[in-house]
PDB file of N, CA and C in Angstrom:
ATOM      1  N   ALA A   1    -358.442 -18.790  81.819  1.00  0.00           N
ATOM      2  CA  ALA A   1    -358.977 -19.882  82.602  1.00  0.00           C
ATOM      3  C   ALA A   1    -358.047 -21.087  82.559  1.00  0.00           C
ATOM      4  N   ALA A   2    -357.495 -21.380  81.386  1.00  0.00           N
ATOM      5  CA  ALA A   2    -356.616 -22.544  81.254  1.00  0.00           C
ATOM      6  C   ALA A   2    -355.353 -22.372  82.088  1.00  0.00           C
ATOM      7  N   LYS A   3    -354.815 -21.168  82.120  1.00  0.00           N
ATOM      8  CA  LYS A   3    -353.620 -20.921  82.933  1.00  0.00           C
ATOM      9  C   LYS A   3    -353.948 -21.051  84.416  1.00  0.00           C
ATOM     10  N   SER A   4    -355.111 -20.566  84.827  1.00  0.00           N
ATOM     11  CA  SER A   4    -355.519 -20.676  86.227  1.00  0.00           C
ATOM     12  C   SER A   4    -355.754 -22.118  86.635  1.00  0.00           C
ATOM     13  N   ALA A   5    -356.216 -22.943  85.692  1.00  0.00           N
ATOM     14  CA  ALA A   5    -356.471 -24.356  85.990  1.00  0.00           C
ATOM     15  C   ALA A   5    -355.179 -25.115  86.255  1.00  0.00           C
ATOM     16  N   GLY A   6    -354.081 -24.625  85.706  1.00  0.00           N
ATOM     17  CA  GLY A   6    -352.793 -25.273  85.922  1.00  0.00           C
ATOM     18  C   GLY A   6    -352.633 -26.523  85.075  1.00  0.00           C
ATOM     19  N   PRO A   7    -351.468 -27.142  85.162  1.00  0.00           N
ATOM     20  CA  PRO A   7    -351.169 -28.293  84.299  1.00  0.00           C
ATOM     21  C   PRO A   7    -352.023 -29.524  84.583  1.00  0.00           C
ATOM     22  N   ARG A   8    -352.577 -29.630  85.785  1.00  0.00           N
ATOM     23  CA  ARG A   8    -353.405 -30.800  86.114  1.00  0.00           C
ATOM     24  C   ARG A   8    -354.894 -30.545  85.908  1.00  0.00           C
ATOM     25  N   GLY A   9    -355.258 -29.293  85.657  1.00  0.00           N
ATOM     26  CA  GLY A   9    -356.651 -28.946  85.416  1.00  0.00           C
ATOM     27  C   GLY A   9    -356.917 -28.825  83.930  1.00  0.00           C
ATOM     28  N   ARG A  10    -358.151 -28.469  83.598  1.00  0.00           N
ATOM     29  CA  ARG A  10    -358.471 -28.254  82.187  1.00  0.00           C
ATOM     30  C   ARG A  10    -359.530 -27.174  82.065  1.00  0.00           C
ATOM     31  N   ALA A  11    -359.557 -26.578  80.904  1.00  0.00           N
ATOM     32  CA  ALA A  11    -360.551 -25.558  80.582  1.00  0.00           C
ATOM     33  C   ALA A  11    -361.338 -26.044  79.376  1.00  0.00           C
ATOM     34  N   ILE A  12    -362.644 -25.941  79.468  1.00  0.00           N
ATOM     35  CA  ILE A  12    -363.517 -26.334  78.368  1.00  0.00           C
ATOM     36  C   ILE A  12    -364.252 -25.090  77.899  1.00  0.00           C
ATOM     37  N   GLY A  13    -364.027 -24.730  76.650  1.00  0.00           N
ATOM     38  CA  GLY A  13    -364.729 -23.605  76.050  1.00  0.00           C
ATOM     39  C   GLY A  13    -365.906 -24.120  75.244  1.00  0.00           C
ATOM     40  N   ILE A  14    -366.956 -23.333  75.176  1.00  0.00           N
ATOM     41  CA  ILE A  14    -368.147 -23.725  74.418  1.00  0.00           C
ATOM     42  C   ILE A  14    -368.534 -22.564  73.517  1.00  0.00           C
ATOM     43  N   ASP A  15    -368.757 -22.873  72.245  1.00  0.00           N
ATOM     44  CA  ASP A  15    -369.233 -21.858  71.317  1.00  0.00           C
ATOM     45  C   ASP A  15    -370.308 -22.447  70.424  1.00  0.00           C
ATOM     46  N   MET A  16    -371.177 -21.576  69.918  1.00  0.00           N
ATOM     47  CA  MET A  16    -372.290 -22.023  69.078  1.00  0.00           C
ATOM     48  C   MET A  16    -371.871 -22.321  67.643  1.00  0.00           C
ATOM     49  N   THR A  17    -370.767 -21.747  67.186  1.00  0.00           N
ATOM     50  CA  THR A  17    -370.378 -21.919  65.791  1.00  0.00           C
ATOM     51  C   THR A  17    -369.028 -22.606  65.675  1.00  0.00           C
ATOM     52  N   GLU A  18    -368.901 -23.424  64.667  1.00  0.00           N
ATOM     53  CA  GLU A  18    -367.631 -24.113  64.430  1.00  0.00           C
ATOM     54  C   GLU A  18    -366.521 -23.115  64.126  1.00  0.00           C
ATOM     55  N   ALA A  19    -366.840 -22.041  63.407  1.00  0.00           N
ATOM     56  CA  ALA A  19    -365.823 -21.047  63.066  1.00  0.00           C
ATOM     57  C   ALA A  19    -365.215 -20.424  64.325  1.00  0.00           C
ATOM     58  N   MET A  20    -366.045 -20.040  65.279  1.00  0.00           N
ATOM     59  CA  MET A  20    -365.524 -19.441  66.513  1.00  0.00           C
ATOM     60  C   MET A  20    -364.848 -20.481  67.393  1.00  0.00           C
ATOM     61  N   ALA A  21    -365.369 -21.692  67.400  1.00  0.00           N
ATOM     62  CA  ALA A  21    -364.725 -22.762  68.166  1.00  0.00           C
ATOM     63  C   ALA A  21    -363.328 -23.019  67.620  1.00  0.00           C
ATOM     64  N   GLU A  22    -363.180 -23.013  66.308  1.00  0.00           N
ATOM     65  CA  GLU A  22    -361.861 -23.233  65.711  1.00  0.00           C
ATOM     66  C   GLU A  22    -360.919 -22.076  66.021  1.00  0.00           C
ATOM     67  N   LYS A  23    -361.422 -20.852  66.041  1.00  0.00           N
ATOM     68  CA  LYS A  23    -360.582 -19.712  66.433  1.00  0.00           C
ATOM     69  C   LYS A  23    -360.095 -19.880  67.867  1.00  0.00           C
ATOM     70  N   ALA A  24    -360.955 -20.345  68.738  1.00  0.00           N
ATOM     71  CA  ALA A  24    -360.563 -20.568  70.134  1.00  0.00           C
ATOM     72  C   ALA A  24    -359.509 -21.665  70.227  1.00  0.00           C
ATOM     73  N   ARG A  25    -359.687 -22.732  69.464  1.00  0.00           N
ATOM     74  CA  ARG A  25    -358.688 -23.814  69.454  1.00  0.00           C
ATOM     75  C   ARG A  25    -357.339 -23.300  68.957  1.00  0.00           C
ATOM     76  N   ALA A  26    -357.366 -22.511  67.885  1.00  0.00           N
ATOM     77  CA  ALA A  26    -356.130 -21.956  67.333  1.00  0.00           C
ATOM     78  C   ALA A  26    -355.450 -21.036  68.339  1.00  0.00           C
ATOM     79  N   SER A  27    -356.232 -20.251  69.047  1.00  0.00           N
ATOM     80  CA  SER A  27    -355.683 -19.357  70.061  1.00  0.00           C
ATOM     81  C   SER A  27    -355.020 -20.149  71.185  1.00  0.00           C
ATOM     82  N   ALA A  28    -355.654 -21.230  71.604  1.00  0.00           N
ATOM     83  CA  ALA A  28    -355.074 -22.078  72.652  1.00  0.00           C
ATOM     84  C   ALA A  28    -353.760 -22.694  72.173  1.00  0.00           C
ATOM     85  N   ARG A  29    -353.749 -23.184  70.935  1.00  0.00           N
ATOM     86  CA  ARG A  29    -352.509 -23.763  70.388  1.00  0.00           C
ATOM     87  C   ARG A  29    -351.411 -22.710  70.324  1.00  0.00           C
ATOM     88  N   ALA A  30    -351.747 -21.519  69.835  1.00  0.00           N
ATOM     89  CA  ALA A  30    -350.764 -20.442  69.715  1.00  0.00           C
ATOM     90  C   ALA A  30    -350.212 -20.039  71.078  1.00  0.00           C
ATOM     91  N   GLY A  31    -351.035 -20.163  72.102  1.00  0.00           N
ATOM     92  CA  GLY A  31    -350.601 -19.833  73.455  1.00  0.00           C
ATOM     93  C   GLY A  31    -349.919 -20.978  74.176  1.00  0.00           C
ATOM     94  N   GLY A  32    -349.761 -22.113  73.480  1.00  0.00           N
ATOM     95  CA  GLY A  32    -349.106 -23.268  74.090  1.00  0.00           C
ATOM     96  C   GLY A  32    -349.921 -23.915  75.193  1.00  0.00           C
ATOM     97  N   LEU A  33    -351.226 -23.771  75.140  1.00  0.00           N
ATOM     98  CA  LEU A  33    -352.098 -24.326  76.178  1.00  0.00           C
ATOM     99  C   LEU A  33    -352.572 -25.713  75.762  1.00  0.00           C
ATOM    100  N   ASN A  34    -352.152 -26.706  76.504  1.00  0.00           N
ATOM    101  CA  ASN A  34    -352.491 -28.093  76.184  1.00  0.00           C
ATOM    102  C   ASN A  34    -353.675 -28.621  76.986  1.00  0.00           C
ATOM    103  N   ASN A  35    -354.197 -27.808  77.878  1.00  0.00           N
ATOM    104  CA  ASN A  35    -355.295 -28.257  78.737  1.00  0.00           C
ATOM    105  C   ASN A  35    -356.628 -27.611  78.352  1.00  0.00           C
ATOM    106  N   VAL A  36    -356.784 -27.304  77.060  1.00  0.00           N
ATOM    107  CA  VAL A  36    -357.988 -26.641  76.566  1.00  0.00           C
ATOM    108  C   VAL A  36    -358.730 -27.559  75.602  1.00  0.00           C
ATOM    109  N   GLU A  37    -360.027 -27.643  75.791  1.00  0.00           N
ATOM    110  CA  GLU A  37    -360.914 -28.348  74.870  1.00  0.00           C
ATOM    111  C   GLU A  37    -362.027 -27.374  74.508  1.00  0.00           C
ATOM    112  N   VAL A  38    -362.397 -27.328  73.249  1.00  0.00           N
ATOM    113  CA  VAL A  38    -363.486 -26.451  72.819  1.00  0.00           C
ATOM    114  C   VAL A  38    -364.578 -27.319  72.205  1.00  0.00           C
ATOM    115  N   ARG A  39    -365.788 -27.141  72.711  1.00  0.00           N
ATOM    116  CA  ARG A  39    -366.939 -27.927  72.259  1.00  0.00           C
ATOM    117  C   ARG A  39    -367.980 -27.021  71.605  1.00  0.00           C
ATOM    118  N   LEU A  40    -368.741 -27.602  70.692  1.00  0.00           N
ATOM    119  CA  LEU A  40    -369.882 -26.893  70.120  1.00  0.00           C
ATOM    120  C   LEU A  40    -371.069 -27.039  71.060  1.00  0.00           C
ATOM    121  N   GLY A  41    -371.803 -25.967  71.244  1.00  0.00           N
ATOM    122  CA  GLY A  41    -372.977 -26.014  72.105  1.00  0.00           C
ATOM    123  C   GLY A  41    -373.488 -24.618  72.347  1.00  0.00           C
ATOM    124  N   ASP A  42    -374.511 -24.516  73.179  1.00  0.00           N
ATOM    125  CA  ASP A  42    -375.015 -23.193  73.530  1.00  0.00           C
ATOM    126  C   ASP A  42    -375.448 -23.170  74.990  1.00  0.00           C
ATOM    127  N   ALA A  43    -375.726 -21.969  75.460  1.00  0.00           N
ATOM    128  CA  ALA A  43    -376.028 -21.761  76.877  1.00  0.00           C
ATOM    129  C   ALA A  43    -377.323 -22.414  77.320  1.00  0.00           C
ATOM    130  N   MET A  44    -378.185 -22.743  76.389  1.00  0.00           N
ATOM    131  CA  MET A  44    -379.476 -23.339  76.727  1.00  0.00           C
ATOM    132  C   MET A  44    -379.382 -24.847  76.935  1.00  0.00           C
ATOM    133  N   SER A  45    -378.279 -25.433  76.524  1.00  0.00           N
ATOM    134  CA  SER A  45    -378.072 -26.876  76.674  1.00  0.00           C
ATOM    135  C   SER A  45    -376.573 -27.144  76.647  1.00  0.00           C
ATOM    136  N   LEU A  46    -375.923 -26.892  77.773  1.00  0.00           N
ATOM    137  CA  LEU A  46    -374.466 -27.009  77.832  1.00  0.00           C
ATOM    138  C   LEU A  46    -374.016 -28.457  77.647  1.00  0.00           C
ATOM    139  N   PRO A  47    -373.031 -28.690  76.791  1.00  0.00           N
ATOM    140  CA  PRO A  47    -372.542 -30.044  76.542  1.00  0.00           C
ATOM    141  C   PRO A  47    -371.553 -30.504  77.619  1.00  0.00           C
ATOM    142  N   LEU A  48    -372.030 -30.523  78.860  1.00  0.00           N
ATOM    143  CA  LEU A  48    -371.233 -30.927  80.016  1.00  0.00           C
ATOM    144  C   LEU A  48    -372.090 -31.802  80.922  1.00  0.00           C
ATOM    145  N   GLU A  49    -371.417 -32.675  81.659  1.00  0.00           N
ATOM    146  CA  GLU A  49    -372.105 -33.534  82.623  1.00  0.00           C
ATOM    147  C   GLU A  49    -372.568 -32.714  83.829  1.00  0.00           C
ATOM    148  N   ASP A  50    -373.576 -33.204  84.512  1.00  0.00           N
ATOM    149  CA  ASP A  50    -374.030 -32.580  85.753  1.00  0.00           C
ATOM    150  C   ASP A  50    -372.876 -32.511  86.753  1.00  0.00           C
ATOM    151  N   SER A  51    -372.811 -31.442  87.508  1.00  0.00           N
ATOM    152  CA  SER A  51    -371.830 -31.277  88.597  1.00  0.00           C
ATOM    153  C   SER A  51    -370.410 -31.592  88.153  1.00  0.00           C
ATOM    154  N   SER A  52    -370.015 -31.092  86.990  1.00  0.00           N
ATOM    155  CA  SER A  52    -368.693 -31.421  86.452  1.00  0.00           C
ATOM    156  C   SER A  52    -367.726 -30.245  86.424  1.00  0.00           C
ATOM    157  N   ALA A  53    -368.191 -29.032  86.704  1.00  0.00           N
ATOM    158  CA  ALA A  53    -367.343 -27.847  86.575  1.00  0.00           C
ATOM    159  C   ALA A  53    -367.111 -27.178  87.927  1.00  0.00           C
ATOM    160  N   ASP A  54    -365.863 -26.833  88.190  1.00  0.00           N
ATOM    161  CA  ASP A  54    -365.532 -26.061  89.390  1.00  0.00           C
ATOM    162  C   ASP A  54    -365.910 -24.595  89.212  1.00  0.00           C
ATOM    163  N   VAL A  55    -365.743 -24.106  87.983  1.00  0.00           N
ATOM    164  CA  VAL A  55    -365.999 -22.701  87.670  1.00  0.00           C
ATOM    165  C   VAL A  55    -366.671 -22.623  86.305  1.00  0.00           C
ATOM    166  N   VAL A  56    -367.653 -21.747  86.183  1.00  0.00           N
ATOM    167  CA  VAL A  56    -368.244 -21.413  84.886  1.00  0.00           C
ATOM    168  C   VAL A  56    -368.026 -19.920  84.679  1.00  0.00           C
ATOM    169  N   ILE A  57    -367.443 -19.576  83.530  1.00  0.00           N
ATOM    170  CA  ILE A  57    -367.208 -18.176  83.176  1.00  0.00           C
ATOM    171  C   ILE A  57    -368.007 -17.870  81.912  1.00  0.00           C
ATOM    172  N   SER A  58    -368.799 -16.827  81.971  1.00  0.00           N
ATOM    173  CA  SER A  58    -369.606 -16.411  80.824  1.00  0.00           C
ATOM    174  C   SER A  58    -369.324 -14.943  80.547  1.00  0.00           C
ATOM    175  N   ASN A  59    -368.959 -14.634  79.314  1.00  0.00           N
ATOM    176  CA  ASN A  59    -368.654 -13.255  78.950  1.00  0.00           C
ATOM    177  C   ASN A  59    -369.468 -12.858  77.721  1.00  0.00           C
ATOM    178  N   GLY A  60    -370.465 -12.029  77.920  1.00  0.00           N
ATOM    179  CA  GLY A  60    -371.255 -11.524  76.811  1.00  0.00           C
ATOM    180  C   GLY A  60    -372.156 -12.545  76.150  1.00  0.00           C
ATOM    181  N   VAL A  61    -372.614 -13.533  76.906  1.00  0.00           N
ATOM    182  CA  VAL A  61    -373.439 -14.600  76.338  1.00  0.00           C
ATOM    183  C   VAL A  61    -374.879 -14.523  76.828  1.00  0.00           C
ATOM    184  N   LEU A  62    -375.070 -14.312  78.099  1.00  0.00           N
ATOM    185  CA  LEU A  62    -376.414 -14.420  78.676  1.00  0.00           C
ATOM    186  C   LEU A  62    -377.409 -13.432  78.080  1.00  0.00           C
ATOM    187  N   ASN A  63    -376.942 -12.266  77.663  1.00  0.00           N
ATOM    188  CA  ASN A  63    -377.869 -11.303  77.058  1.00  0.00           C
ATOM    189  C   ASN A  63    -378.393 -11.784  75.713  1.00  0.00           C
ATOM    190  N   LEU A  64    -377.741 -12.769  75.117  1.00  0.00           N
ATOM    191  CA  LEU A  64    -378.152 -13.292  73.816  1.00  0.00           C
ATOM    192  C   LEU A  64    -379.136 -14.453  73.915  1.00  0.00           C
ATOM    193  N   THR A  65    -379.354 -14.967  75.122  1.00  0.00           N
ATOM    194  CA  THR A  65    -380.226 -16.132  75.274  1.00  0.00           C
ATOM    195  C   THR A  65    -381.694 -15.723  75.278  1.00  0.00           C
ATOM    196  N   SER A  66    -382.526 -16.591  74.736  1.00  0.00           N
ATOM    197  CA  SER A  66    -383.959 -16.294  74.666  1.00  0.00           C
ATOM    198  C   SER A  66    -384.669 -16.549  75.992  1.00  0.00           C
ATOM    199  N   ASP A  67    -384.108 -17.419  76.828  1.00  0.00           N
ATOM    200  CA  ASP A  67    -384.723 -17.732  78.119  1.00  0.00           C
ATOM    201  C   ASP A  67    -383.627 -17.764  79.181  1.00  0.00           C
ATOM    202  N   LYS A  68    -383.474 -16.649  79.854  1.00  0.00           N
ATOM    203  CA  LYS A  68    -382.396 -16.519  80.849  1.00  0.00           C
ATOM    204  C   LYS A  68    -382.502 -17.568  81.945  1.00  0.00           C
ATOM    205  N   SER A  69    -383.703 -17.922  82.362  1.00  0.00           N
ATOM    206  CA  SER A  69    -383.850 -18.900  83.445  1.00  0.00           C
ATOM    207  C   SER A  69    -383.319 -20.269  83.021  1.00  0.00           C
ATOM    208  N   VAL A  70    -383.508 -20.642  81.770  1.00  0.00           N
ATOM    209  CA  VAL A  70    -382.957 -21.912  81.277  1.00  0.00           C
ATOM    210  C   VAL A  70    -381.433 -21.844  81.260  1.00  0.00           C
ATOM    211  N   ALA A  71    -380.890 -20.734  80.779  1.00  0.00           N
ATOM    212  CA  ALA A  71    -379.434 -20.585  80.722  1.00  0.00           C
ATOM    213  C   ALA A  71    -378.816 -20.628  82.122  1.00  0.00           C
ATOM    214  N   PHE A  72    -379.404 -19.900  83.068  1.00  0.00           N
ATOM    215  CA  PHE A  72    -378.889 -19.941  84.439  1.00  0.00           C
ATOM    216  C   PHE A  72    -379.040 -21.342  85.029  1.00  0.00           C
ATOM    217  N   GLY A  73    -380.141 -22.005  84.731  1.00  0.00           N
ATOM    218  CA  GLY A  73    -380.333 -23.378  85.201  1.00  0.00           C
ATOM    219  C   GLY A  73    -379.249 -24.311  84.692  1.00  0.00           C
ATOM    220  N   GLU A  74    -378.848 -24.133  83.442  1.00  0.00           N
ATOM    221  CA  GLU A  74    -377.775 -24.949  82.872  1.00  0.00           C
ATOM    222  C   GLU A  74    -376.448 -24.702  83.588  1.00  0.00           C
ATOM    223  N   VAL A  75    -376.172 -23.438  83.889  1.00  0.00           N
ATOM    224  CA  VAL A  75    -374.944 -23.115  84.621  1.00  0.00           C
ATOM    225  C   VAL A  75    -374.924 -23.857  85.948  1.00  0.00           C
ATOM    226  N   PHE A  76    -376.003 -23.775  86.689  1.00  0.00           N
ATOM    227  CA  PHE A  76    -376.022 -24.396  88.015  1.00  0.00           C
ATOM    228  C   PHE A  76    -376.136 -25.913  87.945  1.00  0.00           C
ATOM    229  N   ARG A  77    -376.634 -26.443  86.842  1.00  0.00           N
ATOM    230  CA  ARG A  77    -376.641 -27.899  86.641  1.00  0.00           C
ATOM    231  C   ARG A  77    -375.221 -28.438  86.508  1.00  0.00           C
ATOM    232  N   VAL A  78    -374.365 -27.726  85.772  1.00  0.00           N
ATOM    233  CA  VAL A  78    -373.013 -28.244  85.512  1.00  0.00           C
ATOM    234  C   VAL A  78    -372.020 -27.901  86.613  1.00  0.00           C
ATOM    235  N   LEU A  79    -372.341 -26.922  87.452  1.00  0.00           N
ATOM    236  CA  LEU A  79    -371.426 -26.569  88.547  1.00  0.00           C
ATOM    237  C   LEU A  79    -371.409 -27.647  89.626  1.00  0.00           C
ATOM    238  N   LYS A  80    -370.212 -27.917  90.128  1.00  0.00           N
ATOM    239  CA  LYS A  80    -370.082 -28.789  91.294  1.00  0.00           C
ATOM    240  C   LYS A  80    -370.614 -28.038  92.514  1.00  0.00           C
ATOM    241  N   PRO A  81    -371.038 -28.752  93.556  1.00  0.00           N
ATOM    242  CA  PRO A  81    -371.431 -28.065  94.792  1.00  0.00           C
ATOM    243  C   PRO A  81    -370.288 -27.165  95.271  1.00  0.00           C
ATOM    244  N   GLY A  82    -370.598 -25.932  95.578  1.00  0.00           N
ATOM    245  CA  GLY A  82    -369.578 -24.976  96.002  1.00  0.00           C
ATOM    246  C   GLY A  82    -368.836 -24.333  94.845  1.00  0.00           C
ATOM    247  N   GLY A  83    -369.204 -24.683  93.597  1.00  0.00           N
ATOM    248  CA  GLY A  83    -368.556 -24.105  92.421  1.00  0.00           C
ATOM    249  C   GLY A  83    -368.874 -22.622  92.284  1.00  0.00           C
ATOM    250  N   ARG A  84    -368.149 -21.969  91.406  1.00  0.00           N
ATOM    251  CA  ARG A  84    -368.306 -20.524  91.235  1.00  0.00           C
ATOM    252  C   ARG A  84    -368.754 -20.179  89.821  1.00  0.00           C
ATOM    253  N   PHE A  85    -369.583 -19.165  89.732  1.00  0.00           N
ATOM    254  CA  PHE A  85    -370.088 -18.671  88.457  1.00  0.00           C
ATOM    255  C   PHE A  85    -369.672 -17.215  88.313  1.00  0.00           C
ATOM    256  N   LEU A  86    -368.907 -16.912  87.282  1.00  0.00           N
ATOM    257  CA  LEU A  86    -368.455 -15.555  87.013  1.00  0.00           C
ATOM    258  C   LEU A  86    -368.994 -15.137  85.654  1.00  0.00           C
ATOM    259  N   TYR A  87    -369.622 -13.982  85.596  1.00  0.00           N
ATOM    260  CA  TYR A  87    -370.097 -13.534  84.292  1.00  0.00           C
ATOM    261  C   TYR A  87    -369.996 -12.027  84.142  1.00  0.00           C
ATOM    262  N   ALA A  88    -369.820 -11.625  82.900  1.00  0.00           N
ATOM    263  CA  ALA A  88    -369.824 -10.214  82.524  1.00  0.00           C
ATOM    264  C   ALA A  88    -370.776 -10.089  81.349  1.00  0.00           C
ATOM    265  N   ASP A  89    -371.626  -9.115  81.397  1.00  0.00           N
ATOM    266  CA  ASP A  89    -372.607  -8.972  80.335  1.00  0.00           C
ATOM    267  C   ASP A  89    -373.102  -7.538  80.269  1.00  0.00           C
ATOM    268  N   ILE A  90    -373.837  -7.249  79.229  1.00  0.00           N
ATOM    269  CA  ILE A  90    -374.428  -5.928  79.041  1.00  0.00           C
ATOM    270  C   ILE A  90    -375.819  -5.924  79.676  1.00  0.00           C
ATOM    271  N   VAL A  91    -376.056  -4.930  80.514  1.00  0.00           N
ATOM    272  CA  VAL A  91    -377.373  -4.755  81.120  1.00  0.00           C
ATOM    273  C   VAL A  91    -377.813  -3.328  80.829  1.00  0.00           C
ATOM    274  N   VAL A  92    -378.997  -3.196  80.290  1.00  0.00           N
ATOM    275  CA  VAL A  92    -379.532  -1.876  79.970  1.00  0.00           C
ATOM    276  C   VAL A  92    -380.806  -1.677  80.783  1.00  0.00           C
ATOM    277  N   ALA A  93    -380.821  -0.621  81.586  1.00  0.00           N
ATOM    278  CA  ALA A  93    -381.969  -0.365  82.451  1.00  0.00           C
ATOM    279  C   ALA A  93    -383.038   0.496  81.777  1.00  0.00           C
ATOM    280  N   ASN A  94    -382.644   1.284  80.791  1.00  0.00           N
ATOM    281  CA  ASN A  94    -383.584   2.190  80.124  1.00  0.00           C
ATOM    282  C   ASN A  94    -383.574   1.944  78.619  1.00  0.00           C
ATOM    283  N   GLU A  95    -384.644   2.359  77.968  1.00  0.00           N
ATOM    284  CA  GLU A  95    -384.730   2.250  76.509  1.00  0.00           C
ATOM    285  C   GLU A  95    -383.617   3.081  75.866  1.00  0.00           C
ATOM    286  N   LEU A  96    -382.978   2.515  74.854  1.00  0.00           N
ATOM    287  CA  LEU A  96    -381.897   3.212  74.161  1.00  0.00           C
ATOM    288  C   LEU A  96    -382.405   3.803  72.852  1.00  0.00           C
ATOM    289  N   SER A  97    -381.799   4.912  72.471  1.00  0.00           N
ATOM    290  CA  SER A  97    -382.179   5.530  71.197  1.00  0.00           C
ATOM    291  C   SER A  97    -381.737   4.638  70.040  1.00  0.00           C
ATOM    292  N   GLU A  98    -382.368   4.836  68.915  1.00  0.00           N
ATOM    293  CA  GLU A  98    -382.041   4.067  67.700  1.00  0.00           C
ATOM    294  C   GLU A  98    -380.573   4.239  67.324  1.00  0.00           C
ATOM    295  N   SER A  99    -380.050   5.458  67.422  1.00  0.00           N
ATOM    296  CA  SER A  99    -378.657   5.705  67.028  1.00  0.00           C
ATOM    297  C   SER A  99    -377.682   4.956  67.935  1.00  0.00           C
ATOM    298  N   ILE A 100    -377.978   4.875  69.204  1.00  0.00           N
ATOM    299  CA  ILE A 100    -377.114   4.126  70.119  1.00  0.00           C
ATOM    300  C   ILE A 100    -377.206   2.636  69.829  1.00  0.00           C
ATOM    301  N   ARG A 101    -378.401   2.128  69.606  1.00  0.00           N
ATOM    302  CA  ARG A 101    -378.564   0.698  69.313  1.00  0.00           C
ATOM    303  C   ARG A 101    -377.821   0.291  68.050  1.00  0.00           C
ATOM    304  N   LYS A 102    -377.721   1.183  67.079  1.00  0.00           N
ATOM    305  CA  LYS A 102    -377.101   0.851  65.794  1.00  0.00           C
ATOM    306  C   LYS A 102    -375.600   1.118  65.752  1.00  0.00           C
ATOM    307  N   ASP A 103    -375.038   1.752  66.774  1.00  0.00           N
ATOM    308  CA  ASP A 103    -373.608   2.075  66.779  1.00  0.00           C
ATOM    309  C   ASP A 103    -372.815   0.903  67.349  1.00  0.00           C
ATOM    310  N   ILE A 104    -372.326   0.048  66.480  1.00  0.00           N
ATOM    311  CA  ILE A 104    -371.628  -1.177  66.890  1.00  0.00           C
ATOM    312  C   ILE A 104    -370.406  -0.885  67.762  1.00  0.00           C
ATOM    313  N   ASP A 105    -369.765   0.255  67.541  1.00  0.00           N
ATOM    314  CA  ASP A 105    -368.579   0.583  68.338  1.00  0.00           C
ATOM    315  C   ASP A 105    -368.904   0.765  69.816  1.00  0.00           C
ATOM    316  N   LEU A 106    -370.131   1.118  70.123  1.00  0.00           N
ATOM    317  CA  LEU A 106    -370.534   1.267  71.523  1.00  0.00           C
ATOM    318  C   LEU A 106    -370.733  -0.078  72.214  1.00  0.00           C
ATOM    319  N   TRP A 107    -370.928  -1.144  71.435  1.00  0.00           N
ATOM    320  CA  TRP A 107    -371.261  -2.451  71.988  1.00  0.00           C
ATOM    321  C   TRP A 107    -370.109  -3.440  71.938  1.00  0.00           C
ATOM    322  N   THR A 108    -369.055  -3.086  71.263  1.00  0.00           N
ATOM    323  CA  THR A 108    -367.933  -4.020  71.116  1.00  0.00           C
ATOM    324  C   THR A 108    -366.660  -3.382  71.628  1.00  0.00           C
ATOM    325  N   GLY A 109    -365.714  -4.229  71.987  1.00  0.00           N
ATOM    326  CA  GLY A 109    -364.444  -3.730  72.499  1.00  0.00           C
ATOM    327  C   GLY A 109    -363.467  -3.685  71.419  1.00  0.00           C
TER     328      GLY A 109
END
């Protein structure tokens, strides 16, 4: 996202834990990305101003939220008019067996 934003744009990452936020900051530094800011927060109350984002990208977050409608509402609150929302997540249509639910390798990359 930071590379796509270009030198005049910026990318703001949000994570719930300081440990993961610091990993993201370290990754940005290692990649020489100077247009990255990482904030603490969660999908239920995004630490961004209304209509402040051109793009919101969510990867593997929405399935973890307790109230999807609140999380989606937050996304659309922070998007500028005409902004874009891109997300990737796990969707399960049928009940899974216990062995599948417990096999972490099936759920992680």
